[in-house]
Amino acid sequence: MSNKNQRKIYFINPRFQLRFSIYVCILVTLCTSAYVNIIFNLLGDMSMTLGKTKEWHAVKDNVVWSLGLWQLGMFGLIFCLCIYFSHKIAGPIYKLGKFLVKVREEGVVTKLAFRKADYFEELAEEYNKTMEYISTKQREDFTYLSEVTTYLSNLAVGLPDDKKMVVHEISKNLTEIQERYLNS
């Protein structure tokens, strides 16, 4: 049984994810180069003390190869972990971007939700709370606009015809504003 919220594509924002991963790998490589330098210096000192025998060169070569392979393995592991964690960062940002485009194009505000394993779940919660707050304020404003429209219609009864047209135009515009948001 597969989870429909589980993404198979780990490169959601390749530019960000690759740059982030490479920068972290470079930083880790620079930091770990200190221990490699210390080991090389120790090997150099030991070769001066023990002499330059064939056995010693074989041990030194094995250590150098082991360190090199270890460094490459660590680089690969760190790179993969960076892609994995950056996926959990880029995923919510990607989904939020797509969600905002959909809201703008379709005019429908729905609840935003991220996958459970993603970071920034609080961003979706805050977005939803903010949209609820805006919707509440909008409903209050529409109630008030509706009252104003009714008041203007009642007021227009006793006005001269030229003033009635102005009041009617204002009422019509207020109704259009309400309908624009209520029908979206």
C-alpha atoms as a PDB file:
ATOM      1  CA  MET A   1       0.000   0.000   0.000  1.00  0.00           C
ATOM      2  CA  SER A   2       1.598   3.280  -1.047  1.00  0.00           C
ATOM      3  CA  ASN A   3       1.056   6.612   0.623  1.00  0.00           C
ATOM      4  CA  LYS A   4      -0.232   9.202  -1.867  1.00  0.00           C
ATOM      5  CA  ASN A   5       1.478  12.020   0.062  1.00  0.00           C
ATOM      6  CA  GLN A   6       4.884  10.367  -0.239  1.00  0.00           C
ATOM      7  CA  ARG A   7       6.964  11.954  -2.967  1.00  0.00           C
ATOM      8  CA  LYS A   8       9.251   9.810  -5.082  1.00  0.00           C
ATOM      9  CA  ILE A   9      11.101  12.818  -6.498  1.00  0.00           C
ATOM     10  CA  TYR A  10      13.690  14.116  -4.072  1.00  0.00           C
ATOM     11  CA  PHE A  11      14.787  17.066  -6.211  1.00  0.00           C
ATOM     12  CA  ILE A  12      11.855  19.420  -5.745  1.00  0.00           C
ATOM     13  CA  ASN A  13      13.983  22.544  -6.053  1.00  0.00           C
ATOM     14  CA  PRO A  14      17.215  21.212  -7.596  1.00  0.00           C
ATOM     15  CA  ARG A  15      19.024  24.559  -7.618  1.00  0.00           C
ATOM     16  CA  PHE A  16      18.531  25.061  -3.882  1.00  0.00           C
ATOM     17  CA  GLN A  17      19.004  21.437  -2.907  1.00  0.00           C
ATOM     18  CA  LEU A  18      22.177  20.847  -4.918  1.00  0.00           C
ATOM     19  CA  ARG A  19      23.772  24.124  -3.828  1.00  0.00           C
ATOM     20  CA  PHE A  20      22.878  23.463  -0.197  1.00  0.00           C
ATOM     21  CA  SER A  21      24.229  19.904  -0.356  1.00  0.00           C
ATOM     22  CA  ILE A  22      27.431  20.896  -2.116  1.00  0.00           C
ATOM     23  CA  TYR A  23      28.090  23.745   0.330  1.00  0.00           C
ATOM     24  CA  VAL A  24      27.599  21.449   3.312  1.00  0.00           C
ATOM     25  CA  CYS A  25      29.836  18.782   1.750  1.00  0.00           C
ATOM     26  CA  ILE A  26      32.551  21.342   1.034  1.00  0.00           C
ATOM     27  CA  LEU A  27      32.328  22.635   4.597  1.00  0.00           C
ATOM     28  CA  VAL A  28      32.536  19.117   6.035  1.00  0.00           C
ATOM     29  CA  THR A  29      35.414  18.245   3.701  1.00  0.00           C
ATOM     30  CA  LEU A  30      37.325  21.342   4.793  1.00  0.00           C
ATOM     31  CA  CYS A  31      36.687  20.524   8.442  1.00  0.00           C
ATOM     32  CA  THR A  32      37.721  16.889   8.081  1.00  0.00           C
ATOM     33  CA  SER A  33      40.832  17.791   6.107  1.00  0.00           C
ATOM     34  CA  ALA A  34      42.357  18.792   9.444  1.00  0.00           C
ATOM     35  CA  TYR A  35      42.381  15.225  10.720  1.00  0.00           C
ATOM     36  CA  VAL A  36      43.694  13.947   7.379  1.00  0.00           C
ATOM     37  CA  ASN A  37      46.550  16.469   7.580  1.00  0.00           C
ATOM     38  CA  ILE A  38      47.355  15.359  11.133  1.00  0.00           C
ATOM     39  CA  ILE A  39      47.439  11.698  10.083  1.00  0.00           C
ATOM     40  CA  PHE A  40      49.723  12.482   7.130  1.00  0.00           C
ATOM     41  CA  ASN A  41      52.068  14.399   9.428  1.00  0.00           C
ATOM     42  CA  LEU A  42      52.089  11.502  11.894  1.00  0.00           C
ATOM     43  CA  LEU A  43      52.837   9.051   9.076  1.00  0.00           C
ATOM     44  CA  GLY A  44      55.668  11.274   7.893  1.00  0.00           C
ATOM     45  CA  ASP A  45      57.119  11.483  11.402  1.00  0.00           C
ATOM     46  CA  MET A  46      56.799   7.724  11.879  1.00  0.00           C
ATOM     47  CA  SER A  47      58.540   7.017   8.580  1.00  0.00           C
ATOM     48  CA  MET A  48      61.480   9.170   9.686  1.00  0.00           C
ATOM     49  CA  THR A  49      61.638   7.256  12.962  1.00  0.00           C
ATOM     50  CA  LEU A  50      61.030   3.756  11.627  1.00  0.00           C
ATOM     51  CA  GLY A  51      62.860   4.127   8.378  1.00  0.00           C
ATOM     52  CA  LYS A  52      61.547   3.676   4.872  1.00  0.00           C
ATOM     53  CA  THR A  53      60.946  -0.038   4.592  1.00  0.00           C
ATOM     54  CA  LYS A  54      58.687  -1.740   2.052  1.00  0.00           C
ATOM     55  CA  GLU A  55      56.358  -2.848   4.819  1.00  0.00           C
ATOM     56  CA  TRP A  56      56.070   0.690   6.081  1.00  0.00           C
ATOM     57  CA  HIS A  57      55.236   2.007   2.602  1.00  0.00           C
ATOM     58  CA  ALA A  58      52.566  -0.684   2.237  1.00  0.00           C
ATOM     59  CA  VAL A  59      50.993   0.318   5.572  1.00  0.00           C
ATOM     60  CA  LYS A  60      51.208   3.998   4.646  1.00  0.00           C
ATOM     61  CA  ASP A  61      49.592   3.358   1.242  1.00  0.00           C
ATOM     62  CA  ASN A  62      46.812   1.316   2.874  1.00  0.00           C
ATOM     63  CA  VAL A  63      46.143   4.105   5.371  1.00  0.00           C
ATOM     64  CA  VAL A  64      46.068   6.727   2.594  1.00  0.00           C
ATOM     65  CA  TRP A  65      43.682   4.650   0.481  1.00  0.00           C
ATOM     66  CA  SER A  66      41.496   3.863   3.481  1.00  0.00           C
ATOM     67  CA  LEU A  67      41.298   7.536   4.422  1.00  0.00           C
ATOM     68  CA  GLY A  68      40.538   8.522   0.829  1.00  0.00           C
ATOM     69  CA  LEU A  69      37.754   5.962   0.502  1.00  0.00           C
ATOM     70  CA  TRP A  70      36.413   6.891   3.921  1.00  0.00           C
ATOM     71  CA  GLN A  71      36.385  10.560   2.900  1.00  0.00           C
ATOM     72  CA  LEU A  72      34.540   9.763  -0.356  1.00  0.00           C
ATOM     73  CA  GLY A  73      32.041   7.592   1.505  1.00  0.00           C
ATOM     74  CA  MET A  74      31.412  10.313   4.055  1.00  0.00           C
ATOM     75  CA  PHE A  75      31.057  12.869   1.261  1.00  0.00           C
ATOM     76  CA  GLY A  76      28.447  10.658  -0.453  1.00  0.00           C
ATOM     77  CA  LEU A  77      26.575   9.971   2.777  1.00  0.00           C
ATOM     78  CA  ILE A  78      26.510  13.630   3.755  1.00  0.00           C
ATOM     79  CA  PHE A  79      25.403  14.608   0.241  1.00  0.00           C
ATOM     80  CA  CYS A  80      22.513  12.107   0.368  1.00  0.00           C
ATOM     81  CA  LEU A  81      21.481  13.255   3.851  1.00  0.00           C
ATOM     82  CA  CYS A  82      21.559  16.873   2.690  1.00  0.00           C
ATOM     83  CA  ILE A  83      19.321  16.039  -0.274  1.00  0.00           C
ATOM     84  CA  TYR A  84      16.947  14.171   2.049  1.00  0.00           C
ATOM     85  CA  PHE A  85      16.698  16.989   4.597  1.00  0.00           C
ATOM     86  CA  SER A  86      16.596  19.739   1.988  1.00  0.00           C
ATOM     87  CA  HIS A  87      13.706  17.805   0.409  1.00  0.00           C
ATOM     88  CA  LYS A  88      11.814  18.218   3.682  1.00  0.00           C
ATOM     89  CA  ILE A  89      12.513  21.956   3.484  1.00  0.00           C
ATOM     90  CA  ALA A  90      11.952  22.487  -0.238  1.00  0.00           C
ATOM     91  CA  GLY A  91       8.782  20.360  -0.302  1.00  0.00           C
ATOM     92  CA  PRO A  92       6.668  22.644   1.900  1.00  0.00           C
ATOM     93  CA  ILE A  93       7.955  25.758   0.149  1.00  0.00           C
ATOM     94  CA  TYR A  94       7.158  24.204  -3.236  1.00  0.00           C
ATOM     95  CA  LYS A  95       3.687  23.189  -2.055  1.00  0.00           C
ATOM     96  CA  LEU A  96       3.030  26.644  -0.587  1.00  0.00           C
ATOM     97  CA  GLY A  97       4.045  28.259  -3.887  1.00  0.00           C
ATOM     98  CA  LYS A  98       1.752  25.968  -5.893  1.00  0.00           C
ATOM     99  CA  PHE A  99      -1.040  26.515  -3.367  1.00  0.00           C
ATOM    100  CA  LEU A 100      -0.757  30.319  -3.616  1.00  0.00           C
ATOM    101  CA  VAL A 101      -0.827  30.165  -7.430  1.00  0.00           C
ATOM    102  CA  LYS A 102      -3.978  28.040  -7.232  1.00  0.00           C
ATOM    103  CA  VAL A 103      -5.617  30.492  -4.823  1.00  0.00           C
ATOM    104  CA  ARG A 104      -4.746  33.405  -7.102  1.00  0.00           C
ATOM    105  CA  GLU A 105      -5.910  31.673 -10.297  1.00  0.00           C
ATOM    106  CA  GLU A 106      -9.040  29.963  -8.966  1.00  0.00           C
ATOM    107  CA  GLY A 107      -9.906  32.380  -6.165  1.00  0.00           C
ATOM    108  CA  VAL A 108     -10.745  29.506  -3.835  1.00  0.00           C
ATOM    109  CA  VAL A 109      -9.157  29.489  -0.400  1.00  0.00           C
ATOM    110  CA  THR A 110      -8.858  26.001   1.062  1.00  0.00           C
ATOM    111  CA  LYS A 111      -6.850  24.557   3.922  1.00  0.00           C
ATOM    112  CA  LEU A 112      -3.124  24.159   3.359  1.00  0.00           C
ATOM    113  CA  ALA A 113      -1.517  20.941   4.631  1.00  0.00           C
ATOM    114  CA  PHE A 114       1.986  19.532   4.333  1.00  0.00           C
ATOM    115  CA  ARG A 115       3.078  15.936   4.648  1.00  0.00           C
ATOM    116  CA  LYS A 116       3.498  14.768   8.237  1.00  0.00           C
ATOM    117  CA  ALA A 117       7.253  14.213   7.863  1.00  0.00           C
ATOM    118  CA  ASP A 118       7.876  17.657   6.320  1.00  0.00           C
ATOM    119  CA  TYR A 119       9.317  20.559   8.234  1.00  0.00           C
ATOM    120  CA  PHE A 120       7.434  23.829   8.718  1.00  0.00           C
ATOM    121  CA  GLU A 121       4.056  22.307   9.590  1.00  0.00           C
ATOM    122  CA  GLU A 122       3.553  25.428  11.693  1.00  0.00           C
ATOM    123  CA  LEU A 123       3.715  27.486   8.485  1.00  0.00           C
ATOM    124  CA  ALA A 124       0.624  25.705   7.146  1.00  0.00           C
ATOM    125  CA  GLU A 125      -1.114  26.129  10.505  1.00  0.00           C
ATOM    126  CA  GLU A 126      -0.329  29.850  10.584  1.00  0.00           C
ATOM    127  CA  TYR A 127      -1.446  30.258   6.984  1.00  0.00           C
ATOM    128  CA  ASN A 128      -4.749  28.523   7.758  1.00  0.00           C
ATOM    129  CA  LYS A 129      -5.287  30.657  10.882  1.00  0.00           C
ATOM    130  CA  THR A 130      -4.514  33.818   8.914  1.00  0.00           C
ATOM    131  CA  MET A 131      -6.897  32.868   6.103  1.00  0.00           C
ATOM    132  CA  GLU A 132      -9.601  32.111   8.680  1.00  0.00           C
ATOM    133  CA  TYR A 133      -9.008  35.506  10.295  1.00  0.00           C
ATOM    134  CA  ILE A 134      -9.205  37.265   6.907  1.00  0.00           C
ATOM    135  CA  SER A 135     -12.383  35.347   6.033  1.00  0.00           C
ATOM    136  CA  THR A 136     -13.984  36.317   9.339  1.00  0.00           C
ATOM    137  CA  LYS A 137     -13.102  39.975   8.841  1.00  0.00           C
ATOM    138  CA  GLN A 138     -14.339  39.794   5.255  1.00  0.00           C
ATOM    139  CA  ARG A 139     -17.703  38.356   6.383  1.00  0.00           C
ATOM    140  CA  GLU A 140     -18.012  41.146   8.955  1.00  0.00           C
ATOM    141  CA  ASP A 141     -17.209  43.727   6.275  1.00  0.00           C
ATOM    142  CA  PHE A 142     -19.730  42.196   3.880  1.00  0.00           C
ATOM    143  CA  THR A 143     -22.402  42.277   6.564  1.00  0.00           C
ATOM    144  CA  TYR A 144     -21.671  45.951   7.076  1.00  0.00           C
ATOM    145  CA  LEU A 145     -21.642  46.628   3.308  1.00  0.00           C
ATOM    146  CA  SER A 146     -24.980  44.876   3.006  1.00  0.00           C
ATOM    147  CA  GLU A 147     -26.411  47.089   5.747  1.00  0.00           C
ATOM    148  CA  VAL A 148     -24.998  50.190   4.049  1.00  0.00           C
ATOM    149  CA  THR A 149     -26.524  49.114   0.716  1.00  0.00           C
ATOM    150  CA  THR A 150     -29.916  48.647   2.373  1.00  0.00           C
ATOM    151  CA  TYR A 151     -29.569  51.985   4.148  1.00  0.00           C
ATOM    152  CA  LEU A 152     -28.672  53.732   0.872  1.00  0.00           C
ATOM    153  CA  SER A 153     -31.647  52.126  -0.894  1.00  0.00           C
ATOM    154  CA  ASN A 154     -33.968  53.377   1.855  1.00  0.00           C
ATOM    155  CA  LEU A 155     -32.366  56.811   1.742  1.00  0.00           C
ATOM    156  CA  ALA A 156     -32.763  57.047  -2.036  1.00  0.00           C
ATOM    157  CA  VAL A 157     -36.568  56.957  -1.780  1.00  0.00           C
ATOM    158  CA  GLY A 158     -36.792  60.599  -0.677  1.00  0.00           C
ATOM    159  CA  LEU A 159     -34.063  61.952  -2.946  1.00  0.00           C
ATOM    160  CA  PRO A 160     -34.393  63.744  -6.275  1.00  0.00           C
ATOM    161  CA  ASP A 161     -33.880  61.582  -9.378  1.00  0.00           C
ATOM    162  CA  ASP A 162     -30.340  62.821 -10.111  1.00  0.00           C
ATOM    163  CA  LYS A 163     -29.274  61.930  -6.551  1.00  0.00           C
ATOM    164  CA  LYS A 164     -31.094  58.579  -6.738  1.00  0.00           C
ATOM    165  CA  MET A 165     -28.899  57.614  -9.723  1.00  0.00           C
ATOM    166  CA  VAL A 166     -25.747  58.370  -7.726  1.00  0.00           C
ATOM    167  CA  VAL A 167     -26.984  56.405  -4.711  1.00  0.00           C
ATOM    168  CA  HIS A 168     -28.081  53.566  -6.998  1.00  0.00           C
ATOM    169  CA  GLU A 169     -24.606  53.507  -8.619  1.00  0.00           C
ATOM    170  CA  ILE A 170     -22.923  53.387  -5.192  1.00  0.00           C
ATOM    171  CA  SER A 171     -25.238  50.561  -4.072  1.00  0.00           C
ATOM    172  CA  LYS A 172     -24.567  48.669  -7.298  1.00  0.00           C
ATOM    173  CA  ASN A 173     -20.782  48.983  -6.824  1.00  0.00           C
ATOM    174  CA  LEU A 174     -21.008  47.811  -3.205  1.00  0.00           C
ATOM    175  CA  THR A 175     -23.071  44.794  -4.303  1.00  0.00           C
ATOM    176  CA  GLU A 176     -20.542  43.984  -7.061  1.00  0.00           C
ATOM    177  CA  ILE A 177     -17.691  44.059  -4.517  1.00  0.00           C
ATOM    178  CA  GLN A 178     -19.540  41.610  -2.300  1.00  0.00           C
ATOM    179  CA  GLU A 179     -20.447  39.304  -5.177  1.00  0.00           C
ATOM    180  CA  ARG A 180     -16.897  39.323  -6.516  1.00  0.00           C
ATOM    181  CA  TYR A 181     -15.632  37.715  -3.322  1.00  0.00           C
ATOM    182  CA  LEU A 182     -18.638  35.624  -2.438  1.00  0.00           C
ATOM    183  CA  ASN A 183     -18.753  33.950  -5.880  1.00  0.00           C
ATOM    184  CA  SER A 184     -15.030  33.145  -5.992  1.00  0.00           C
END
